[in-house]
Amino acid sequence: MSTFGLFGKFLVKEGERDRLVSILLEAADSMQKLKECQKYLVNISEEEPNSVFVFEIWSNEEAHQASLSLEATQILIKRAKPIITGMERISTFQPIGGKDKN
């Protein structure tokens, strides 16, 4: 199986970006326990004040899919759903190599 990468974008209701960032950082914290999750980075852009970007790298696509059914993930999804107005999968990719500060 190949390493799996995902770059996604969440659109949120006006003024709710910081709330979603907080929820996604909780998700990132819960991913610390999953060895299959190699990266889970939450990002913002000042040019898009109602967007939050997530950059993820997993050992494989199946591990990513399995993470979505975890109880901790489901709880965070329920909290985030009311403020999310849309989602976009910007890109999926296969990481090859490079610099990693870890």
C-alpha atoms as a PDB file:
ATOM      1  CA  MET A   1       0.000   0.000   0.000  1.00  0.00           C
ATOM      2  CA  SER A   2       1.132   3.539  -0.745  1.00  0.00           C
ATOM      3  CA  THR A   3       1.371   6.495   1.554  1.00  0.00           C
ATOM      4  CA  PHE A   4      -1.726   8.669   1.169  1.00  0.00           C
ATOM      5  CA  GLY A   5      -1.879  12.454   1.304  1.00  0.00           C
ATOM      6  CA  LEU A   6      -4.869  14.748   1.357  1.00  0.00           C
ATOM      7  CA  PHE A   7      -5.245  18.508   1.180  1.00  0.00           C
ATOM      8  CA  GLY A   8      -8.757  19.669   2.004  1.00  0.00           C
ATOM      9  CA  LYS A   9     -10.661  22.870   2.587  1.00  0.00           C
ATOM     10  CA  PHE A  10     -13.560  23.516   4.942  1.00  0.00           C
ATOM     11  CA  LEU A  11     -15.851  26.493   4.418  1.00  0.00           C
ATOM     12  CA  VAL A  12     -17.481  27.845   7.569  1.00  0.00           C
ATOM     13  CA  LYS A  13     -20.189  30.279   8.535  1.00  0.00           C
ATOM     14  CA  GLU A  14     -19.135  33.917   8.874  1.00  0.00           C
ATOM     15  CA  GLY A  15     -17.057  34.424  12.013  1.00  0.00           C
ATOM     16  CA  GLU A  16     -16.755  30.706  12.856  1.00  0.00           C
ATOM     17  CA  ARG A  17     -13.268  30.013  11.497  1.00  0.00           C
ATOM     18  CA  ASP A  18     -11.541  30.117  14.901  1.00  0.00           C
ATOM     19  CA  ARG A  19     -14.110  27.741  16.339  1.00  0.00           C
ATOM     20  CA  LEU A  20     -13.490  25.213  13.561  1.00  0.00           C
ATOM     21  CA  VAL A  21      -9.726  25.647  13.948  1.00  0.00           C
ATOM     22  CA  SER A  22     -10.100  24.767  17.629  1.00  0.00           C
ATOM     23  CA  ILE A  23     -12.135  21.640  16.817  1.00  0.00           C
ATOM     24  CA  LEU A  24      -9.658  20.543  14.145  1.00  0.00           C
ATOM     25  CA  LEU A  25      -6.729  21.061  16.514  1.00  0.00           C
ATOM     26  CA  GLU A  26      -8.520  18.724  18.941  1.00  0.00           C
ATOM     27  CA  ALA A  27      -8.729  16.239  16.074  1.00  0.00           C
ATOM     28  CA  ALA A  28      -5.004  16.686  15.432  1.00  0.00           C
ATOM     29  CA  ASP A  29      -4.333  16.021  19.102  1.00  0.00           C
ATOM     30  CA  SER A  30      -6.380  12.815  18.979  1.00  0.00           C
ATOM     31  CA  MET A  31      -4.372  11.720  15.907  1.00  0.00           C
ATOM     32  CA  GLN A  32      -1.192  11.700  18.026  1.00  0.00           C
ATOM     33  CA  LYS A  33      -2.204   8.215  19.192  1.00  0.00           C
ATOM     34  CA  LEU A  34      -2.517   6.857  15.646  1.00  0.00           C
ATOM     35  CA  LYS A  35       0.808   5.700  14.202  1.00  0.00           C
ATOM     36  CA  GLU A  36      -0.865   5.550  10.764  1.00  0.00           C
ATOM     37  CA  CYS A  37      -1.343   9.339  10.844  1.00  0.00           C
ATOM     38  CA  GLN A  38       1.989  10.850   9.896  1.00  0.00           C
ATOM     39  CA  LYS A  39       0.854  14.484   9.546  1.00  0.00           C
ATOM     40  CA  TYR A  40      -2.300  16.398  10.372  1.00  0.00           C
ATOM     41  CA  LEU A  41      -1.787  20.136   9.971  1.00  0.00           C
ATOM     42  CA  VAL A  42      -4.494  22.778  10.349  1.00  0.00           C
ATOM     43  CA  ASN A  43      -3.946  25.930   8.285  1.00  0.00           C
ATOM     44  CA  ILE A  44      -5.633  29.270   7.634  1.00  0.00           C
ATOM     45  CA  SER A  45      -5.276  31.906   4.936  1.00  0.00           C
ATOM     46  CA  GLU A  46      -5.885  35.576   5.612  1.00  0.00           C
ATOM     47  CA  GLU A  47      -7.251  35.863   2.060  1.00  0.00           C
ATOM     48  CA  GLU A  48     -10.052  33.398   2.895  1.00  0.00           C
ATOM     49  CA  PRO A  49     -11.422  34.311   6.335  1.00  0.00           C
ATOM     50  CA  ASN A  50     -14.179  31.688   6.185  1.00  0.00           C
ATOM     51  CA  SER A  51     -11.931  28.774   5.207  1.00  0.00           C
ATOM     52  CA  VAL A  52      -9.760  26.277   7.065  1.00  0.00           C
ATOM     53  CA  PHE A  53      -7.319  24.014   5.255  1.00  0.00           C
ATOM     54  CA  VAL A  54      -6.159  20.603   6.486  1.00  0.00           C
ATOM     55  CA  PHE A  55      -3.032  18.847   5.214  1.00  0.00           C
ATOM     56  CA  GLU A  56      -2.866  15.147   6.081  1.00  0.00           C
ATOM     57  CA  ILE A  57      -0.429  12.306   5.418  1.00  0.00           C
ATOM     58  CA  TRP A  58      -1.398   8.729   6.281  1.00  0.00           C
ATOM     59  CA  SER A  59       0.331   5.371   5.975  1.00  0.00           C
ATOM     60  CA  ASN A  60      -2.411   4.461   3.472  1.00  0.00           C
ATOM     61  CA  GLU A  61      -5.872   5.567   2.344  1.00  0.00           C
ATOM     62  CA  GLU A  62      -7.601   2.845   4.351  1.00  0.00           C
ATOM     63  CA  ALA A  63      -6.104   4.211   7.589  1.00  0.00           C
ATOM     64  CA  HIS A  64      -7.500   7.641   6.745  1.00  0.00           C
ATOM     65  CA  GLN A  65     -10.963   6.199   6.098  1.00  0.00           C
ATOM     66  CA  ALA A  66     -10.837   4.151   9.319  1.00  0.00           C
ATOM     67  CA  SER A  67      -9.988   7.279  11.337  1.00  0.00           C
ATOM     68  CA  LEU A  68     -13.298   8.842  10.303  1.00  0.00           C
ATOM     69  CA  SER A  69     -15.240   6.153  12.145  1.00  0.00           C
ATOM     70  CA  LEU A  70     -13.390   6.490  15.458  1.00  0.00           C
ATOM     71  CA  GLU A  71     -15.563   7.614  18.369  1.00  0.00           C
ATOM     72  CA  ALA A  72     -13.382  10.679  19.075  1.00  0.00           C
ATOM     73  CA  THR A  73     -13.572  11.701  15.424  1.00  0.00           C
ATOM     74  CA  GLN A  74     -17.351  11.239  15.303  1.00  0.00           C
ATOM     75  CA  ILE A  75     -17.794  13.468  18.377  1.00  0.00           C
ATOM     76  CA  LEU A  76     -15.701  16.225  16.765  1.00  0.00           C
ATOM     77  CA  ILE A  77     -17.581  15.892  13.472  1.00  0.00           C
ATOM     78  CA  LYS A  78     -20.900  16.390  15.311  1.00  0.00           C
ATOM     79  CA  ARG A  79     -19.538  19.561  16.925  1.00  0.00           C
ATOM     80  CA  ALA A  80     -18.203  20.921  13.628  1.00  0.00           C
ATOM     81  CA  LYS A  81     -21.138  20.101  11.327  1.00  0.00           C
ATOM     82  CA  PRO A  82     -23.375  23.047  12.363  1.00  0.00           C
ATOM     83  CA  ILE A  83     -20.735  25.614  11.367  1.00  0.00           C
ATOM     84  CA  ILE A  84     -19.437  23.976   8.178  1.00  0.00           C
ATOM     85  CA  THR A  85     -21.045  25.274   4.984  1.00  0.00           C
ATOM     86  CA  GLY A  86     -18.982  23.240   2.532  1.00  0.00           C
ATOM     87  CA  MET A  87     -15.986  21.033   1.973  1.00  0.00           C
ATOM     88  CA  GLU A  88     -13.593  20.684  -0.915  1.00  0.00           C
ATOM     89  CA  ARG A  89     -11.002  17.991  -1.523  1.00  0.00           C
ATOM     90  CA  ILE A  90      -8.353  20.157  -3.128  1.00  0.00           C
ATOM     91  CA  SER A  91      -6.007  17.284  -3.860  1.00  0.00           C
ATOM     92  CA  THR A  92      -5.025  13.781  -2.940  1.00  0.00           C
ATOM     93  CA  PHE A  93      -1.442  12.778  -3.525  1.00  0.00           C
ATOM     94  CA  GLN A  94       1.225  10.166  -2.853  1.00  0.00           C
ATOM     95  CA  PRO A  95       4.049  11.617  -0.744  1.00  0.00           C
ATOM     96  CA  ILE A  96       7.435  10.583  -2.105  1.00  0.00           C
ATOM     97  CA  GLY A  97       9.986  12.220   0.203  1.00  0.00           C
ATOM     98  CA  GLY A  98      11.628  15.422   1.296  1.00  0.00           C
ATOM     99  CA  LYS A  99      12.224  17.244   4.568  1.00  0.00           C
ATOM    100  CA  ASP A 100      10.325  16.417   7.716  1.00  0.00           C
ATOM    101  CA  LYS A 101      11.227  18.216  10.915  1.00  0.00           C
ATOM    102  CA  ASN A 102      10.243  15.216  13.046  1.00  0.00           C
END
